N, C-alpha and C. Protein backbone atom coordinates (compact mmCIF):
# COMPACT_ATOMS: atom_id res chain seq x y z
N MET A 1 111.82 116.45 81.16
CA MET A 1 111.99 116.83 82.48
C MET A 1 113.11 117.74 83.10
N SER A 2 112.58 118.79 84.07
CA SER A 2 113.33 119.72 84.28
C SER A 2 114.76 119.13 85.13
N SER A 3 115.85 120.05 85.29
CA SER A 3 117.14 119.40 85.95
C SER A 3 116.73 119.38 87.18
N ALA A 4 115.37 120.14 87.71
CA ALA A 4 115.15 119.73 89.56
C ALA A 4 114.50 118.06 89.45
N GLN A 5 113.89 117.83 88.50
CA GLN A 5 113.02 116.60 88.44
C GLN A 5 114.37 115.54 88.89
N PRO A 6 115.19 115.09 88.36
CA PRO A 6 116.21 113.98 88.61
C PRO A 6 116.55 114.42 89.89
N ARG A 7 117.02 115.08 90.56
CA ARG A 7 117.16 115.41 91.94
C ARG A 7 116.20 115.14 93.15
N ARG A 8 115.02 115.57 92.65
CA ARG A 8 113.79 115.54 93.31
C ARG A 8 113.56 113.80 93.28
N TRP A 9 113.54 113.12 92.39
CA TRP A 9 113.32 111.67 92.32
C TRP A 9 114.54 110.87 92.82
N GLU A 10 115.82 111.63 93.06
CA GLU A 10 116.61 110.86 93.94
C GLU A 10 116.70 111.03 95.17
N ARG A 11 116.19 111.96 95.83
CA ARG A 11 115.92 112.45 97.21
C ARG A 11 114.46 111.20 97.38
N ARG A 12 113.78 111.22 96.65
CA ARG A 12 112.73 110.20 96.97
C ARG A 12 112.87 108.68 97.16
N ARG A 13 114.01 108.33 96.32
CA ARG A 13 114.84 107.06 96.55
C ARG A 13 115.50 106.79 97.51
N ARG A 14 116.15 107.82 97.81
CA ARG A 14 117.08 107.56 99.27
C ARG A 14 116.09 107.86 100.35
N ALA A 15 114.92 108.45 100.48
CA ALA A 15 113.82 108.30 101.79
C ALA A 15 113.43 107.01 101.57
N ALA A 16 112.98 106.28 100.47
CA ALA A 16 112.20 105.13 100.33
C ALA A 16 113.60 104.07 100.68
N SER A 17 114.63 104.23 100.50
CA SER A 17 115.83 103.42 100.89
C SER A 17 115.79 103.56 102.49
N ASN A 18 115.97 104.57 102.98
CA ASN A 18 115.91 104.61 104.57
C ASN A 18 114.68 104.17 105.01
N ARG A 19 113.46 104.03 104.39
CA ARG A 19 112.19 103.42 104.83
C ARG A 19 112.25 102.01 105.01
N ARG A 20 113.30 101.29 103.76
CA ARG A 20 113.41 100.18 103.83
C ARG A 20 114.23 99.63 104.58
N ARG A 21 115.01 100.20 105.39
CA ARG A 21 116.04 99.73 106.37
C ARG A 21 115.16 99.41 107.63
N GLN A 22 113.82 100.64 107.66
CA GLN A 22 113.19 100.11 108.72
C GLN A 22 112.28 99.19 108.78
N GLY A 23 112.08 98.69 107.62
CA GLY A 23 111.16 97.55 107.28
C GLY A 23 111.18 96.03 107.47
N PRO A 24 112.60 95.60 107.44
CA PRO A 24 113.04 94.17 107.91
C PRO A 24 112.15 93.36 108.69
N ALA A 25 112.27 94.32 109.97
CA ALA A 25 111.70 93.79 111.18
C ALA A 25 110.19 93.85 111.19
N PHE A 26 109.65 94.61 110.75
CA PHE A 26 108.18 94.66 110.51
C PHE A 26 107.83 93.94 109.93
N ARG A 27 108.38 93.52 108.34
CA ARG A 27 108.00 92.37 107.54
C ARG A 27 108.18 91.02 108.24
N ARG A 28 109.24 90.80 108.83
CA ARG A 28 109.51 89.55 109.73
C ARG A 28 108.50 89.29 110.75
N ALA A 29 107.73 90.32 111.42
CA ALA A 29 106.99 90.08 112.06
C ALA A 29 105.19 89.92 111.62
N ILE A 30 105.15 91.01 110.56
CA ILE A 30 103.94 90.74 110.14
C ILE A 30 103.60 89.43 109.46
N THR A 31 104.67 88.78 108.96
CA THR A 31 104.37 87.55 107.85
C THR A 31 104.11 86.41 108.94
N ASN A 32 104.16 86.68 110.27
CA ASN A 32 103.88 85.49 111.06
C ASN A 32 102.72 85.87 111.58
N SER A 33 101.88 87.21 111.42
CA SER A 33 100.85 87.47 112.13
C SER A 33 99.78 87.85 111.43
N VAL A 34 99.54 88.20 110.09
CA VAL A 34 98.62 88.05 109.31
C VAL A 34 98.20 87.16 108.20
N ALA A 35 97.29 87.05 107.85
CA ALA A 35 96.46 86.27 106.65
C ALA A 35 97.02 86.62 105.52
N ALA A 36 97.02 88.18 105.10
CA ALA A 36 97.54 88.92 104.05
C ALA A 36 97.88 90.18 104.11
N CYS A 37 98.41 90.47 103.31
CA CYS A 37 99.35 92.13 103.37
C CYS A 37 98.60 92.69 102.41
N VAL A 38 98.13 93.57 102.05
CA VAL A 38 97.68 94.64 100.97
C VAL A 38 98.70 96.04 101.12
N GLU A 39 99.75 96.22 100.05
CA GLU A 39 100.45 97.30 100.15
C GLU A 39 100.01 98.20 98.74
N THR A 40 101.05 99.14 99.08
CA THR A 40 101.01 100.03 97.76
C THR A 40 101.45 99.33 96.12
N GLY A 41 102.37 98.20 96.64
CA GLY A 41 102.88 97.42 95.65
C GLY A 41 104.31 98.01 94.78
N GLY A 42 104.77 99.07 95.10
CA GLY A 42 105.93 99.55 94.16
C GLY A 42 107.07 99.34 95.44
N PHE A 43 107.52 100.60 95.37
CA PHE A 43 109.13 100.73 95.94
C PHE A 43 108.90 101.22 97.35
N SER A 44 108.22 100.40 98.28
CA SER A 44 107.65 100.83 99.84
C SER A 44 108.43 100.19 100.82
N ALA A 45 108.24 100.38 101.93
CA ALA A 45 108.79 99.70 103.15
C ALA A 45 108.54 98.54 103.11
N LEU A 46 107.42 97.71 102.55
CA LEU A 46 106.81 96.53 102.93
C LEU A 46 107.60 95.48 101.49
N GLU A 47 108.29 96.34 100.88
CA GLU A 47 108.70 95.49 99.51
C GLU A 47 109.11 94.19 99.98
N ILE A 48 108.49 92.70 99.69
CA ILE A 48 108.83 91.88 100.25
C ILE A 48 110.05 91.09 100.20
N ARG A 49 110.79 91.04 99.21
CA ARG A 49 112.00 90.06 99.22
C ARG A 49 111.76 88.93 99.39
N GLY A 50 110.86 88.25 99.01
CA GLY A 50 110.30 87.06 99.52
C GLY A 50 110.00 86.59 100.92
N ALA A 51 109.88 87.54 101.53
CA ALA A 51 109.76 87.27 102.82
C ALA A 51 107.98 86.75 103.20
N PHE A 52 107.30 87.14 102.33
CA PHE A 52 105.75 86.94 102.45
C PHE A 52 105.66 85.42 101.64
N ALA A 53 106.39 85.47 100.87
CA ALA A 53 106.46 84.17 100.08
C ALA A 53 106.81 82.84 100.99
N ARG A 54 108.03 83.11 101.70
CA ARG A 54 108.77 82.15 102.74
C ARG A 54 107.71 82.01 103.69
N ALA A 55 106.97 82.99 104.41
CA ALA A 55 106.23 82.52 105.33
C ALA A 55 104.54 82.01 105.06
N ARG A 56 104.74 82.07 103.61
CA ARG A 56 103.22 81.73 102.97
C ARG A 56 102.46 82.63 103.36
N THR A 57 102.49 83.78 103.10
CA THR A 57 101.50 85.04 103.47
C THR A 57 101.45 85.52 102.27
N HIS A 58 100.01 85.70 101.94
CA HIS A 58 99.30 86.32 100.69
C HIS A 58 99.80 87.89 100.75
N SER A 59 100.50 88.43 99.47
CA SER A 59 100.66 90.05 99.60
C SER A 59 100.28 90.48 98.30
N VAL A 60 99.25 91.37 98.29
CA VAL A 60 98.69 91.89 97.39
C VAL A 60 98.98 93.39 97.22
N GLY A 61 99.15 93.68 95.88
CA GLY A 61 100.05 95.10 95.94
C GLY A 61 98.95 95.84 94.75
N PHE A 62 98.85 97.11 95.21
CA PHE A 62 97.76 97.74 94.56
C PHE A 62 98.86 98.95 93.98
N ASN A 63 99.18 99.05 92.71
CA ASN A 63 100.41 99.91 92.13
C ASN A 63 99.70 100.93 91.69
N ILE A 64 100.05 102.21 91.31
CA ILE A 64 99.92 103.12 90.45
C ILE A 64 101.36 103.50 89.20
N MET A 65 100.47 103.42 88.12
CA MET A 65 101.55 103.48 87.24
C MET A 65 101.88 104.66 86.84
N LEU A 66 103.09 105.28 86.86
CA LEU A 66 103.49 106.76 86.66
C LEU A 66 104.58 106.58 85.70
N PRO A 67 104.67 107.48 84.68
CA PRO A 67 105.63 107.50 83.73
C PRO A 67 107.37 107.60 84.38
N PHE A 68 107.41 108.30 85.43
CA PHE A 68 108.66 108.44 85.95
C PHE A 68 109.11 108.35 86.96
N GLU A 69 108.06 107.07 87.58
CA GLU A 69 108.35 106.66 89.04
C GLU A 69 108.65 105.06 89.42
N GLN A 70 107.58 104.53 88.99
CA GLN A 70 108.04 103.01 89.88
C GLN A 70 107.17 101.70 89.14
N LYS A 71 107.40 100.92 89.22
CA LYS A 71 106.86 99.70 88.64
C LYS A 71 106.48 98.65 89.87
N SER A 72 105.51 97.66 89.57
CA SER A 72 105.22 96.82 90.86
C SER A 72 106.64 95.82 91.44
N ASN A 73 106.72 95.49 92.39
CA ASN A 73 107.68 95.06 92.93
C ASN A 73 107.39 93.46 92.47
N GLY A 74 108.34 92.93 92.63
CA GLY A 74 108.55 91.51 91.69
C GLY A 74 108.31 90.44 92.86
N PHE A 75 107.84 90.83 94.15
CA PHE A 75 107.63 89.75 95.16
C PHE A 75 105.90 89.61 95.61
N LEU A 76 105.21 90.36 94.84
CA LEU A 76 103.65 90.25 95.13
C LEU A 76 103.45 88.99 94.87
N THR A 77 102.20 88.28 95.39
CA THR A 77 101.50 87.17 95.19
C THR A 77 100.37 87.45 94.32
N GLN A 78 100.32 88.71 94.33
CA GLN A 78 98.85 89.03 93.50
C GLN A 78 98.83 90.52 93.34
N GLY A 79 98.47 91.29 92.21
CA GLY A 79 98.69 92.80 92.18
C GLY A 79 97.49 93.17 91.29
N ALA A 80 97.60 94.43 91.32
CA ALA A 80 96.64 95.00 90.42
C ALA A 80 97.55 96.46 90.13
N LYS A 81 96.90 96.82 88.74
CA LYS A 81 97.97 98.09 88.18
C LYS A 81 96.60 98.90 88.09
N PHE A 82 96.86 100.44 88.44
CA PHE A 82 95.88 101.47 88.21
C PHE A 82 96.71 102.47 87.42
N SER A 83 95.96 103.37 86.79
CA SER A 83 96.34 104.33 85.78
C SER A 83 96.07 105.37 86.56
N ALA A 84 95.29 105.55 87.41
CA ALA A 84 94.49 106.88 88.13
C ALA A 84 94.55 106.58 89.70
N PHE A 85 94.78 107.64 90.45
CA PHE A 85 95.03 107.48 91.83
C PHE A 85 93.63 107.13 92.67
N ALA A 86 92.65 107.69 92.39
CA ALA A 86 91.51 107.82 93.31
C ALA A 86 90.99 106.07 93.02
N PRO A 87 90.99 105.22 92.25
CA PRO A 87 90.27 104.11 92.31
C PRO A 87 91.49 103.15 93.14
N ARG A 88 92.80 103.38 93.15
CA ARG A 88 93.98 102.41 93.69
C ARG A 88 93.58 103.24 95.03
N LYS A 89 93.48 104.19 95.50
CA LYS A 89 93.17 104.72 96.96
C LYS A 89 92.03 103.82 97.62
N GLY A 90 90.75 103.92 96.97
CA GLY A 90 89.73 103.02 97.28
C GLY A 90 89.99 101.64 97.41
N ALA A 91 90.75 101.02 96.50
CA ALA A 91 91.13 99.77 96.69
C ALA A 91 92.04 99.59 97.77
N LEU A 92 93.06 100.08 98.24
CA LEU A 92 93.92 100.14 99.30
C LEU A 92 92.75 99.94 100.54
N ILE A 93 92.03 101.28 100.53
CA ILE A 93 91.19 101.34 101.58
C ILE A 93 90.21 100.48 101.88
N GLU A 94 89.55 100.11 101.04
CA GLU A 94 88.29 99.14 101.00
C GLU A 94 88.83 98.03 101.32
N ASN A 95 90.29 97.71 101.20
CA ASN A 95 90.69 96.22 101.48
C ASN A 95 91.48 96.15 102.62
N SER A 96 91.44 96.91 103.48
CA SER A 96 92.37 96.98 104.49
C SER A 96 91.68 97.21 106.02
N GLU A 97 92.17 96.64 106.97
CA GLU A 97 91.54 97.20 108.39
C GLU A 97 92.55 97.61 109.15
N ILE A 98 93.96 97.64 109.06
CA ILE A 98 94.96 97.76 109.80
C ILE A 98 95.99 98.72 108.63
N PHE A 99 96.26 100.14 109.11
CA PHE A 99 97.21 100.62 108.43
C PHE A 99 98.22 101.01 109.09
N VAL A 100 99.52 100.73 108.84
CA VAL A 100 100.78 101.34 109.18
C VAL A 100 101.43 102.42 107.90
N ILE A 101 101.59 103.46 108.49
CA ILE A 101 101.94 104.71 107.50
C ILE A 101 103.23 104.81 108.03
N PHE A 102 104.29 104.66 107.14
CA PHE A 102 105.91 104.53 106.95
C PHE A 102 105.99 106.29 106.53
N PRO A 103 107.15 106.83 107.05
CA PRO A 103 107.32 108.21 106.37
C PRO A 103 107.40 107.98 104.70
N GLY A 104 106.77 109.32 104.14
CA GLY A 104 106.57 108.98 103.01
C GLY A 104 106.41 110.64 102.90
N GLY A 105 105.89 111.10 101.26
CA GLY A 105 105.77 112.37 100.69
C GLY A 105 104.13 112.43 100.61
N PHE A 106 103.92 113.13 99.69
CA PHE A 106 102.43 114.07 99.66
C PHE A 106 101.36 112.59 99.30
N GLY A 107 102.05 111.77 98.52
CA GLY A 107 101.11 110.70 98.00
C GLY A 107 100.60 109.87 99.42
N THR A 108 101.84 109.54 100.21
CA THR A 108 101.62 108.85 101.65
C THR A 108 100.89 109.61 102.42
N LEU A 109 100.84 110.98 102.52
CA LEU A 109 99.88 111.78 103.65
C LEU A 109 98.58 111.77 102.84
N ASP A 110 98.31 111.90 101.48
CA ASP A 110 97.05 111.76 101.12
C ASP A 110 96.10 110.64 101.53
N GLU A 111 96.56 109.54 101.27
CA GLU A 111 96.15 108.42 101.78
C GLU A 111 96.18 108.39 103.25
N PHE A 112 96.92 108.64 103.66
CA PHE A 112 96.84 108.70 105.47
C PHE A 112 95.68 109.50 105.63
N PHE A 113 95.58 110.79 105.16
CA PHE A 113 94.18 111.93 105.41
C PHE A 113 93.10 111.19 105.00
N GLU A 114 93.02 110.62 103.97
CA GLU A 114 91.94 109.81 103.34
C GLU A 114 91.07 108.81 104.33
N ILE A 115 92.10 108.14 105.05
CA ILE A 115 91.71 107.21 105.95
C ILE A 115 91.14 107.76 107.13
N LEU A 116 91.79 108.74 107.26
CA LEU A 116 91.83 109.54 108.75
C LEU A 116 90.37 110.25 108.66
N VAL A 117 89.86 110.52 107.55
CA VAL A 117 88.80 111.31 107.34
C VAL A 117 87.45 110.23 107.53
N LEU A 118 87.94 109.19 106.78
CA LEU A 118 86.82 108.15 106.90
C LEU A 118 86.61 107.51 108.24
N VAL A 119 87.57 107.29 108.79
CA VAL A 119 87.60 106.96 110.49
C VAL A 119 86.72 107.99 110.99
N GLN A 120 87.21 109.50 111.24
CA GLN A 120 86.56 110.42 111.88
C GLN A 120 85.34 110.61 111.51
N THR A 121 84.53 110.44 110.47
CA THR A 121 83.48 110.47 110.18
C THR A 121 82.47 109.09 110.11
N GLY A 122 83.10 108.10 110.56
CA GLY A 122 82.35 107.09 110.98
C GLY A 122 82.16 106.13 109.67
N PHE A 123 82.56 106.20 108.41
CA PHE A 123 82.70 105.55 107.34
C PHE A 123 83.46 104.26 107.17
N LYS A 124 84.34 104.24 107.94
CA LYS A 124 85.41 103.07 107.96
C LYS A 124 85.90 102.93 109.50
N ARG A 125 86.03 101.95 109.98
CA ARG A 125 86.48 101.11 111.12
C ARG A 125 87.95 100.87 110.57
N ALA A 126 89.26 101.31 111.28
CA ALA A 126 90.24 101.02 110.73
C ALA A 126 91.16 101.29 111.99
N ARG A 127 92.67 100.77 112.51
CA ARG A 127 93.30 101.18 112.99
C ARG A 127 94.54 101.57 112.26
N ILE A 128 95.07 102.96 112.57
CA ILE A 128 96.08 103.75 111.79
C ILE A 128 97.35 103.89 112.80
N TYR A 129 98.41 103.56 112.43
CA TYR A 129 99.48 103.50 112.91
C TYR A 129 100.41 104.45 112.03
N LEU A 130 101.21 105.40 112.65
CA LEU A 130 102.04 106.28 112.15
C LEU A 130 103.74 105.74 112.56
N TYR A 131 104.33 105.25 111.74
CA TYR A 131 105.65 104.82 112.11
C TYR A 131 106.52 105.68 111.99
N ASP A 132 107.34 105.82 113.00
CA ASP A 132 108.42 107.02 113.34
C ASP A 132 107.69 108.08 113.65
N GLU A 133 107.84 108.12 115.16
CA GLU A 133 107.36 109.48 115.78
C GLU A 133 108.24 110.78 115.46
N GLU A 134 109.39 110.49 115.01
CA GLU A 134 110.38 111.81 114.89
C GLU A 134 109.74 112.57 113.67
N PHE A 135 109.64 111.79 112.82
CA PHE A 135 109.17 112.05 111.43
C PHE A 135 108.01 112.76 111.18
N TYR A 136 107.00 112.16 112.09
CA TYR A 136 105.58 112.77 112.13
C TYR A 136 105.64 113.74 113.38
N ALA A 137 106.56 114.09 114.14
CA ALA A 137 106.34 115.04 115.38
C ALA A 137 105.65 116.53 114.55
N PRO A 138 106.29 116.71 113.66
CA PRO A 138 106.03 118.60 113.22
C PRO A 138 104.49 118.10 112.61
N LEU A 139 103.86 117.24 112.24
CA LEU A 139 102.55 117.12 111.78
C LEU A 139 101.69 116.85 112.46
N MET A 140 101.85 116.49 114.08
CA MET A 140 101.14 116.27 115.35
C MET A 140 101.31 117.86 115.74
N GLU A 141 102.32 118.44 115.93
CA GLU A 141 102.52 119.78 116.40
C GLU A 141 101.37 120.69 115.26
N PHE A 142 101.28 120.55 114.28
CA PHE A 142 100.42 120.93 113.42
C PHE A 142 98.99 120.97 113.71
N PHE A 143 98.61 119.72 113.91
CA PHE A 143 97.56 119.37 114.50
C PHE A 143 96.81 119.90 115.62
N ARG A 144 97.97 119.83 116.43
CA ARG A 144 97.37 120.55 117.53
C ARG A 144 97.36 122.26 117.83
N THR A 145 98.60 122.57 117.17
CA THR A 145 98.49 124.28 117.25
C THR A 145 97.77 124.70 116.36
N SER A 146 97.27 124.14 115.24
CA SER A 146 96.36 124.88 114.36
C SER A 146 95.19 124.39 114.26
N LEU A 147 95.05 122.86 113.92
CA LEU A 147 93.39 122.41 114.01
C LEU A 147 92.90 122.32 115.12
N LEU A 148 93.63 121.75 115.99
CA LEU A 148 92.90 121.79 117.29
C LEU A 148 92.73 123.00 118.21
N LYS A 149 93.60 123.92 117.78
CA LYS A 149 93.36 125.42 118.61
C LYS A 149 91.87 125.78 117.63
N SER A 150 92.10 126.12 116.48
CA SER A 150 91.14 126.48 115.79
C SER A 150 89.71 125.86 115.70
N GLY A 151 89.82 124.73 116.52
CA GLY A 151 88.25 124.22 116.52
C GLY A 151 87.99 123.11 115.16
N ALA A 152 88.73 123.12 114.19
CA ALA A 152 88.78 122.30 113.25
C ALA A 152 88.81 120.93 113.25
N ILE A 153 89.22 120.20 114.33
CA ILE A 153 88.99 119.13 115.07
C ILE A 153 89.00 119.06 116.32
N ASN A 154 88.37 117.92 116.96
CA ASN A 154 88.53 117.79 118.32
C ASN A 154 89.65 116.70 118.86
N GLU A 155 89.83 117.04 120.01
CA GLU A 155 91.03 116.33 120.89
C GLU A 155 90.50 114.78 120.22
N SER A 156 89.31 114.25 120.51
CA SER A 156 88.86 112.75 120.25
C SER A 156 89.78 112.28 118.80
N ASP A 157 89.88 113.23 117.97
CA ASP A 157 90.01 112.99 116.55
C ASP A 157 91.72 112.70 116.51
N LEU A 158 92.29 112.88 117.70
CA LEU A 158 93.83 112.65 117.86
C LEU A 158 93.78 111.42 118.21
N GLN A 159 92.72 110.63 118.66
CA GLN A 159 92.92 109.39 118.84
C GLN A 159 92.41 108.21 117.84
N ASN A 160 92.34 108.82 116.63
CA ASN A 160 92.07 107.94 115.71
C ASN A 160 93.42 107.26 114.84
N PHE A 161 94.40 107.61 115.45
CA PHE A 161 95.68 107.34 115.00
C PHE A 161 96.65 106.89 116.27
N LYS A 162 97.80 106.37 116.19
CA LYS A 162 98.78 106.18 117.25
C LYS A 162 100.09 106.31 116.47
N LEU A 163 100.93 107.10 117.22
CA LEU A 163 102.42 106.98 116.94
C LEU A 163 103.12 105.87 117.36
N CYS A 164 104.29 105.53 116.83
CA CYS A 164 104.64 104.36 117.01
C CYS A 164 106.32 104.34 116.41
N ASP A 165 107.11 103.61 117.56
CA ASP A 165 108.57 103.72 116.97
C ASP A 165 109.11 102.14 116.74
N SER A 166 107.97 101.28 117.13
CA SER A 166 108.24 99.77 117.51
C SER A 166 107.15 98.92 116.96
N VAL A 167 107.93 97.81 115.90
CA VAL A 167 107.15 96.96 115.46
C VAL A 167 106.21 95.98 116.45
N ASP A 168 107.07 95.93 117.46
CA ASP A 168 106.34 95.06 118.67
C ASP A 168 105.31 95.90 119.25
N GLU A 169 105.25 97.28 119.42
CA GLU A 169 104.25 98.03 119.76
C GLU A 169 103.11 97.81 119.01
N ILE A 170 103.24 97.67 117.61
CA ILE A 170 102.08 97.90 116.51
C ILE A 170 101.40 96.49 116.68
N LEU A 171 102.12 95.74 116.83
CA LEU A 171 101.79 94.03 116.78
C LEU A 171 100.84 93.69 117.99
N THR A 172 101.48 94.01 119.51
CA THR A 172 100.86 93.97 120.47
C THR A 172 99.61 94.49 120.55
N ASP A 173 99.39 96.08 119.92
CA ASP A 173 98.26 96.81 119.66
C ASP A 173 97.21 95.81 118.72
N VAL A 174 97.65 95.46 117.92
CA VAL A 174 96.81 94.55 116.81
C VAL A 174 96.35 93.45 117.59
N ARG A 175 97.07 92.68 118.07
CA ARG A 175 96.86 91.51 118.81
C ARG A 175 95.49 92.02 119.80
N THR A 176 95.88 92.76 120.69
CA THR A 176 95.26 93.37 121.65
C THR A 176 93.28 93.64 120.90
N GLY A 177 93.78 94.67 120.07
CA GLY A 177 92.28 94.62 119.35
C GLY A 177 91.66 93.42 118.84
N GLU A 178 92.35 92.42 118.29
CA GLU A 178 91.71 91.54 117.78
C GLU A 178 91.01 90.53 118.96
N ASN A 179 91.24 90.54 120.32
CA ASN A 179 90.56 90.01 121.28
C ASN A 179 89.62 90.84 122.03
N GLU A 180 89.28 91.99 121.32
CA GLU A 180 88.27 92.78 121.97
C GLU A 180 87.03 92.22 121.49
């Protein structure tokens, strides 16, 4: 591993730690609102710390086994380990209807774009929430100034997801959608 590798992974751990601070309110709210939660299974904003178990909510983790990164978190009620990205991403997407995308790196963006393309092309019905408007603002600017301006996407494509800063906003929207 190069000398830059440890610093890179330390930055990722710090970013994940920041996401963890955002996650508790979401965890508390979601455990009372869903029958099951499918998550990435590793070091994520939804790492349970027993919240799902206390709420008797089923938590399924789909983890990717990387030699330099993560292990499954110990609070899943069920989990699967994948040695390749594509099958894991397929399992995450196939088994979920609502996606809350917390700030992350290339892997997070890869999963977001995969879901977005499936919704855009009509292969998947899903609700997508990008949590942390400030973090995602530069991406939204890119969508508007590059993709929309060049005609690569339509204005309606930007309606396939919502930017949110509030757990209550997400849960209200989810509950409203259930009644439609």
